[in-house]
Amino acid sequence: TSLAIQPLVRGITGNNAAENNDCPLFFD
């Protein structure tokens, strides 16, 4: 799950902010 917390930030563009988008996998 995630918590319904949504920060307002300055200095990023669109949905390219998440580092996870650059990597095709994650570890559970």
PDB file of all heavy atoms in Angstrom:
ATOM      1  N   THR A   1       0.829  -1.191   0.000  1.00  0.00           N
ATOM      2  CA  THR A   1       0.000   0.000   0.000  1.00  0.00           C
ATOM      3  C   THR A   1       0.866   1.243   0.000  1.00  0.00           C
ATOM      4  O   THR A   1       2.086   1.182   0.102  1.00  0.00           O
ATOM      5  CB  THR A   1      -0.940   0.002   1.228  1.00  0.00           C
ATOM      6  OG1 THR A   1      -1.865   1.074   1.113  1.00  0.00           O
ATOM      7  CG2 THR A   1      -0.150   0.157   2.512  1.00  0.00           C
ATOM      8  N   SER A   2       0.220   2.374  -0.122  1.00  0.00           N
ATOM      9  CA  SER A   2       0.866   3.664   0.101  1.00  0.00           C
ATOM     10  C   SER A   2      -0.083   4.492   0.952  1.00  0.00           C
ATOM     11  O   SER A   2      -1.272   4.180   1.065  1.00  0.00           O
ATOM     12  CB  SER A   2       1.167   4.375  -1.224  1.00  0.00           C
ATOM     13  OG  SER A   2      -0.023   4.860  -1.815  1.00  0.00           O
ATOM     14  N   LEU A   3       0.433   5.536   1.557  1.00  0.00           N
ATOM     15  CA  LEU A   3      -0.394   6.447   2.328  1.00  0.00           C
ATOM     16  C   LEU A   3      -0.769   7.628   1.442  1.00  0.00           C
ATOM     17  O   LEU A   3       0.001   8.031   0.572  1.00  0.00           O
ATOM     18  CB  LEU A   3       0.362   6.935   3.568  1.00  0.00           C
ATOM     19  CG  LEU A   3       0.864   5.849   4.519  1.00  0.00           C
ATOM     20  CD1 LEU A   3       1.589   6.482   5.704  1.00  0.00           C
ATOM     21  CD2 LEU A   3      -0.280   4.979   5.014  1.00  0.00           C
ATOM     22  N   ALA A   4      -1.946   8.191   1.665  1.00  0.00           N
ATOM     23  CA  ALA A   4      -2.444   9.277   0.823  1.00  0.00           C
ATOM     24  C   ALA A   4      -1.778  10.592   1.214  1.00  0.00           C
ATOM     25  O   ALA A   4      -2.413  11.531   1.701  1.00  0.00           O
ATOM     26  CB  ALA A   4      -3.960   9.377   0.927  1.00  0.00           C
ATOM     27  N   ILE A   5      -0.460  10.609   1.005  1.00  0.00           N
ATOM     28  CA  ILE A   5       0.370  11.789   1.250  1.00  0.00           C
ATOM     29  C   ILE A   5       0.974  12.193  -0.087  1.00  0.00           C
ATOM     30  O   ILE A   5       1.601  11.371  -0.757  1.00  0.00           O
ATOM     31  CB  ILE A   5       1.480  11.482   2.272  1.00  0.00           C
ATOM     32  CG1 ILE A   5       0.861  11.134   3.634  1.00  0.00           C
ATOM     33  CG2 ILE A   5       2.445  12.648   2.397  1.00  0.00           C
ATOM     34  CD1 ILE A   5       1.880  10.693   4.679  1.00  0.00           C
ATOM     35  N   GLN A   6       0.789  13.448  -0.497  1.00  0.00           N
ATOM     36  CA  GLN A   6       1.209  13.890  -1.826  1.00  0.00           C
ATOM     37  C   GLN A   6       1.957  15.218  -1.717  1.00  0.00           C
ATOM     38  O   GLN A   6       1.345  16.287  -1.663  1.00  0.00           O
ATOM     39  CB  GLN A   6      -0.014  14.014  -2.742  1.00  0.00           C
ATOM     40  CG  GLN A   6      -0.785  12.706  -2.878  1.00  0.00           C
ATOM     41  CD  GLN A   6      -2.067  12.848  -3.670  1.00  0.00           C
ATOM     42  OE1 GLN A   6      -2.482  13.939  -4.036  1.00  0.00           O
ATOM     43  NE2 GLN A   6      -2.710  11.720  -3.947  1.00  0.00           N
ATOM     44  N   PRO A   7       3.294  15.170  -1.654  1.00  0.00           N
ATOM     45  CA  PRO A   7       4.073  16.405  -1.474  1.00  0.00           C
ATOM     46  C   PRO A   7       4.018  17.326  -2.683  1.00  0.00           C
ATOM     47  O   PRO A   7       3.913  16.872  -3.825  1.00  0.00           O
ATOM     48  CB  PRO A   7       5.496  15.884  -1.244  1.00  0.00           C
ATOM     49  CG  PRO A   7       5.517  14.528  -1.866  1.00  0.00           C
ATOM     50  CD  PRO A   7       4.135  13.971  -1.685  1.00  0.00           C
ATOM     51  N   LEU A   8       4.086  18.622  -2.414  1.00  0.00           N
ATOM     52  CA  LEU A   8       4.167  19.635  -3.451  1.00  0.00           C
ATOM     53  C   LEU A   8       5.621  20.083  -3.538  1.00  0.00           C
ATOM     54  O   LEU A   8       6.174  20.600  -2.554  1.00  0.00           O
ATOM     55  CB  LEU A   8       3.263  20.817  -3.121  1.00  0.00           C
ATOM     56  CG  LEU A   8       3.163  21.910  -4.187  1.00  0.00           C
ATOM     57  CD1 LEU A   8       2.442  21.384  -5.415  1.00  0.00           C
ATOM     58  CD2 LEU A   8       2.440  23.140  -3.636  1.00  0.00           C
ATOM     59  N   VAL A   9       6.248  19.869  -4.693  1.00  0.00           N
ATOM     60  CA  VAL A   9       7.675  20.133  -4.827  1.00  0.00           C
ATOM     61  C   VAL A   9       7.950  21.039  -6.016  1.00  0.00           C
ATOM     62  O   VAL A   9       7.148  21.159  -6.931  1.00  0.00           O
ATOM     63  CB  VAL A   9       8.487  18.820  -4.973  1.00  0.00           C
ATOM     64  CG1 VAL A   9       8.211  17.888  -3.808  1.00  0.00           C
ATOM     65  CG2 VAL A   9       8.155  18.123  -6.289  1.00  0.00           C
ATOM     66  N   ARG A  10       9.104  21.667  -5.999  1.00  0.00           N
ATOM     67  CA  ARG A  10       9.566  22.505  -7.101  1.00  0.00           C
ATOM     68  C   ARG A  10      10.921  21.983  -7.566  1.00  0.00           C
ATOM     69  O   ARG A  10      11.770  21.642  -6.758  1.00  0.00           O
ATOM     70  CB  ARG A  10       9.698  23.955  -6.651  1.00  0.00           C
ATOM     71  CG  ARG A  10      10.300  24.885  -7.697  1.00  0.00           C
ATOM     72  CD  ARG A  10      10.452  26.284  -7.149  1.00  0.00           C
ATOM     73  NE  ARG A  10       9.174  26.970  -7.080  1.00  0.00           N
ATOM     74  CZ  ARG A  10       8.775  27.728  -6.061  1.00  0.00           C
ATOM     75  NH1 ARG A  10       9.553  27.858  -5.007  1.00  0.00           N
ATOM     76  NH2 ARG A  10       7.599  28.323  -6.087  1.00  0.00           N
ATOM     77  N   GLY A  11      11.093  21.873  -8.895  1.00  0.00           N
ATOM     78  CA  GLY A  11      12.396  21.477  -9.401  1.00  0.00           C
ATOM     79  C   GLY A  11      12.397  20.201 -10.199  1.00  0.00           C
ATOM     80  O   GLY A  11      13.449  19.674 -10.540  1.00  0.00           O
ATOM     81  N   ILE A  12      11.208  19.642 -10.498  1.00  0.00           N
ATOM     82  CA  ILE A  12      11.123  18.446 -11.320  1.00  0.00           C
ATOM     83  C   ILE A  12      10.094  18.678 -12.407  1.00  0.00           C
ATOM     84  O   ILE A  12       9.269  19.580 -12.312  1.00  0.00           O
ATOM     85  CB  ILE A  12      10.754  17.189 -10.505  1.00  0.00           C
ATOM     86  CG1 ILE A  12       9.401  17.381  -9.807  1.00  0.00           C
ATOM     87  CG2 ILE A  12      11.825  16.861  -9.500  1.00  0.00           C
ATOM     88  CD1 ILE A  12       8.969  16.182  -9.036  1.00  0.00           C
ATOM     89  N   THR A  13      10.147  17.871 -13.440  1.00  0.00           N
ATOM     90  CA  THR A  13       9.246  18.034 -14.578  1.00  0.00           C
ATOM     91  C   THR A  13       8.452  16.769 -14.807  1.00  0.00           C
ATOM     92  O   THR A  13       9.034  15.694 -14.992  1.00  0.00           O
ATOM     93  CB  THR A  13      10.032  18.365 -15.853  1.00  0.00           C
ATOM     94  OG1 THR A  13      10.807  19.543 -15.618  1.00  0.00           O
ATOM     95  CG2 THR A  13       9.085  18.633 -17.006  1.00  0.00           C
ATOM     96  N   GLY A  14       7.128  16.883 -14.816  1.00  0.00           N
ATOM     97  CA  GLY A  14       6.259  15.760 -15.172  1.00  0.00           C
ATOM     98  C   GLY A  14       6.493  14.534 -14.321  1.00  0.00           C
ATOM     99  O   GLY A  14       6.850  14.604 -13.151  1.00  0.00           O
ATOM    100  N   ASN A  15       6.330  13.345 -14.941  1.00  0.00           N
ATOM    101  CA  ASN A  15       6.443  12.083 -14.215  1.00  0.00           C
ATOM    102  C   ASN A  15       7.834  11.487 -14.291  1.00  0.00           C
ATOM    103  O   ASN A  15       8.032  10.326 -13.960  1.00  0.00           O
ATOM    104  CB  ASN A  15       5.430  11.077 -14.768  1.00  0.00           C
ATOM    105  CG  ASN A  15       4.007  11.489 -14.453  1.00  0.00           C
ATOM    106  OD1 ASN A  15       3.744  12.006 -13.376  1.00  0.00           O
ATOM    107  ND2 ASN A  15       3.105  11.289 -15.386  1.00  0.00           N
ATOM    108  N   ASN A  16       8.832  12.279 -14.721  1.00  0.00           N
ATOM    109  CA  ASN A  16      10.191  11.763 -14.801  1.00  0.00           C
ATOM    110  C   ASN A  16      10.919  11.877 -13.477  1.00  0.00           C
ATOM    111  O   ASN A  16      12.118  11.673 -13.402  1.00  0.00           O
ATOM    112  CB  ASN A  16      10.983  12.525 -15.876  1.00  0.00           C
ATOM    113  CG  ASN A  16      10.413  12.288 -17.258  1.00  0.00           C
ATOM    114  OD1 ASN A  16       9.981  11.192 -17.562  1.00  0.00           O
ATOM    115  ND2 ASN A  16      10.395  13.321 -18.086  1.00  0.00           N
ATOM    116  N   ALA A  17      10.166  12.228 -12.406  1.00  0.00           N
ATOM    117  CA  ALA A  17      10.824  12.479 -11.132  1.00  0.00           C
ATOM    118  C   ALA A  17      11.268  11.207 -10.436  1.00  0.00           C
ATOM    119  O   ALA A  17      12.302  11.171  -9.792  1.00  0.00           O
ATOM    120  CB  ALA A  17       9.873  13.239 -10.204  1.00  0.00           C
ATOM    121  N   ALA A  18      10.483  10.160 -10.519  1.00  0.00           N
ATOM    122  CA  ALA A  18      10.760   8.966  -9.727  1.00  0.00           C
ATOM    123  C   ALA A  18      11.971   8.218 -10.254  1.00  0.00           C
ATOM    124  O   ALA A  18      12.048   7.867 -11.411  1.00  0.00           O
ATOM    125  CB  ALA A  18       9.543   8.039  -9.729  1.00  0.00           C
ATOM    126  N   GLU A  19      12.912   7.971  -9.364  1.00  0.00           N
ATOM    127  CA  GLU A  19      14.099   7.232  -9.755  1.00  0.00           C
ATOM    128  C   GLU A  19      13.715   5.819 -10.173  1.00  0.00           C
ATOM    129  O   GLU A  19      14.341   5.210 -11.032  1.00  0.00           O
ATOM    130  CB  GLU A  19      15.083   7.197  -8.590  1.00  0.00           C
ATOM    131  CG  GLU A  19      16.421   6.580  -8.924  1.00  0.00           C
ATOM    132  CD  GLU A  19      17.376   6.647  -7.757  1.00  0.00           C
ATOM    133  OE1 GLU A  19      17.011   6.142  -6.689  1.00  0.00           O
ATOM    134  OE2 GLU A  19      18.475   7.202  -7.912  1.00  0.00           O
ATOM    135  N   ASN A  20      12.646   5.294  -9.560  1.00  0.00           N
ATOM    136  CA  ASN A  20      12.220   3.933  -9.879  1.00  0.00           C
ATOM    137  C   ASN A  20      11.816   3.791 -11.340  1.00  0.00           C
ATOM    138  O   ASN A  20      11.845   2.698 -11.892  1.00  0.00           O
ATOM    139  CB  ASN A  20      11.032   3.534  -8.983  1.00  0.00           C
ATOM    140  CG  ASN A  20      11.463   3.413  -7.541  1.00  0.00           C
ATOM    141  OD1 ASN A  20      12.635   3.245  -7.252  1.00  0.00           O
ATOM    142  ND2 ASN A  20      10.519   3.520  -6.633  1.00  0.00           N
ATOM    143  N   ASN A  21      11.416   4.897 -12.002  1.00  0.00           N
ATOM    144  CA  ASN A  21      11.020   4.806 -13.402  1.00  0.00           C
ATOM    145  C   ASN A  21      12.194   4.458 -14.309  1.00  0.00           C
ATOM    146  O   ASN A  21      12.023   3.979 -15.413  1.00  0.00           O
ATOM    147  CB  ASN A  21      10.410   6.141 -13.854  1.00  0.00           C
ATOM    148  CG  ASN A  21       9.053   6.370 -13.222  1.00  0.00           C
ATOM    149  OD1 ASN A  21       8.455   5.456 -12.688  1.00  0.00           O
ATOM    150  ND2 ASN A  21       8.578   7.598 -13.287  1.00  0.00           N
ATOM    151  N   ASP A  22      13.435   4.757 -13.855  1.00  0.00           N
ATOM    152  CA  ASP A  22      14.617   4.489 -14.658  1.00  0.00           C
ATOM    153  C   ASP A  22      15.048   3.025 -14.545  1.00  0.00           C
ATOM    154  O   ASP A  22      15.804   2.524 -15.364  1.00  0.00           O
ATOM    155  CB  ASP A  22      15.780   5.375 -14.218  1.00  0.00           C
ATOM    156  CG  ASP A  22      15.500   6.844 -14.526  1.00  0.00           C
ATOM    157  OD1 ASP A  22      14.672   7.121 -15.405  1.00  0.00           O
ATOM    158  OD2 ASP A  22      16.113   7.678 -13.862  1.00  0.00           O
ATOM    159  N   CYS A  23      14.623   2.362 -13.501  1.00  0.00           N
ATOM    160  CA  CYS A  23      15.030   0.980 -13.246  1.00  0.00           C
ATOM    161  C   CYS A  23      13.838   0.054 -13.492  1.00  0.00           C
ATOM    162  O   CYS A  23      12.736   0.324 -13.038  1.00  0.00           O
ATOM    163  CB  CYS A  23      15.534   0.840 -11.816  1.00  0.00           C
ATOM    164  SG  CYS A  23      16.257  -0.771 -11.453  1.00  0.00           S
ATOM    165  N   PRO A  24      14.041  -1.055 -14.218  1.00  0.00           N
ATOM    166  CA  PRO A  24      12.906  -1.901 -14.600  1.00  0.00           C
ATOM    167  C   PRO A  24      12.499  -2.908 -13.537  1.00  0.00           C
ATOM    168  O   PRO A  24      11.706  -3.797 -13.812  1.00  0.00           O
ATOM    169  CB  PRO A  24      13.435  -2.614 -15.848  1.00  0.00           C
ATOM    170  CG  PRO A  24      14.899  -2.769 -15.577  1.00  0.00           C
ATOM    171  CD  PRO A  24      15.295  -1.518 -14.838  1.00  0.00           C
ATOM    172  N   LEU A  25      13.047  -2.837 -12.331  1.00  0.00           N
ATOM    173  CA  LEU A  25      12.707  -3.836 -11.328  1.00  0.00           C
ATOM    174  C   LEU A  25      12.792  -3.249  -9.929  1.00  0.00           C
ATOM    175  O   LEU A  25      13.385  -2.204  -9.712  1.00  0.00           O
ATOM    176  CB  LEU A  25      13.648  -5.040 -11.433  1.00  0.00           C
ATOM    177  CG  LEU A  25      15.087  -4.884 -10.895  1.00  0.00           C
ATOM    178  CD1 LEU A  25      15.720  -6.239 -10.702  1.00  0.00           C
ATOM    179  CD2 LEU A  25      15.943  -4.052 -11.829  1.00  0.00           C
ATOM    180  N   PHE A  26      12.166  -3.952  -8.972  1.00  0.00           N
ATOM    181  CA  PHE A  26      12.324  -3.611  -7.564  1.00  0.00           C
ATOM    182  C   PHE A  26      12.306  -4.893  -6.743  1.00  0.00           C
ATOM    183  O   PHE A  26      11.918  -5.962  -7.226  1.00  0.00           O
ATOM    184  CB  PHE A  26      11.237  -2.639  -7.084  1.00  0.00           C
ATOM    185  CG  PHE A  26       9.837  -3.186  -7.132  1.00  0.00           C
ATOM    186  CD1 PHE A  26       9.309  -3.907  -6.078  1.00  0.00           C
ATOM    187  CD2 PHE A  26       9.026  -2.959  -8.242  1.00  0.00           C
ATOM    188  CE1 PHE A  26       8.012  -4.402  -6.124  1.00  0.00           C
ATOM    189  CE2 PHE A  26       7.731  -3.442  -8.295  1.00  0.00           C
ATOM    190  CZ  PHE A  26       7.227  -4.165  -7.232  1.00  0.00           C
ATOM    191  N   PHE A  27      12.734  -4.799  -5.492  1.00  0.00           N
ATOM    192  CA  PHE A  27      12.854  -5.963  -4.623  1.00  0.00           C
ATOM    193  C   PHE A  27      11.859  -5.871  -3.490  1.00  0.00           C
ATOM    194  O   PHE A  27      11.791  -4.864  -2.784  1.00  0.00           O
ATOM    195  CB  PHE A  27      14.275  -6.055  -4.060  1.00  0.00           C
ATOM    196  CG  PHE A  27      14.500  -7.244  -3.156  1.00  0.00           C
ATOM    197  CD1 PHE A  27      14.406  -8.542  -3.656  1.00  0.00           C
ATOM    198  CD2 PHE A  27      14.805  -7.075  -1.822  1.00  0.00           C
ATOM    199  CE1 PHE A  27      14.621  -9.633  -2.836  1.00  0.00           C
ATOM    200  CE2 PHE A  27      15.030  -8.166  -0.996  1.00  0.00           C
ATOM    201  CZ  PHE A  27      14.933  -9.448  -1.504  1.00  0.00           C
ATOM    202  N   ASP A  28      11.036  -6.911  -3.325  1.00  0.00           N
ATOM    203  CA  ASP A  28      10.073  -7.002  -2.232  1.00  0.00           C
ATOM    204  C   ASP A  28      10.730  -7.799  -1.108  1.00  0.00           C
ATOM    205  O   ASP A  28      10.832  -9.023  -1.169  1.00  0.00           O
ATOM    206  CB  ASP A  28       8.801  -7.701  -2.717  1.00  0.00           C
ATOM    207  CG  ASP A  28       7.732  -7.768  -1.639  1.00  0.00           C
ATOM    208  OD1 ASP A  28       8.033  -7.431  -0.481  1.00  0.00           O
ATOM    209  OD2 ASP A  28       6.603  -8.163  -1.947  1.00  0.00           O
TER     210      ASP A  28
END
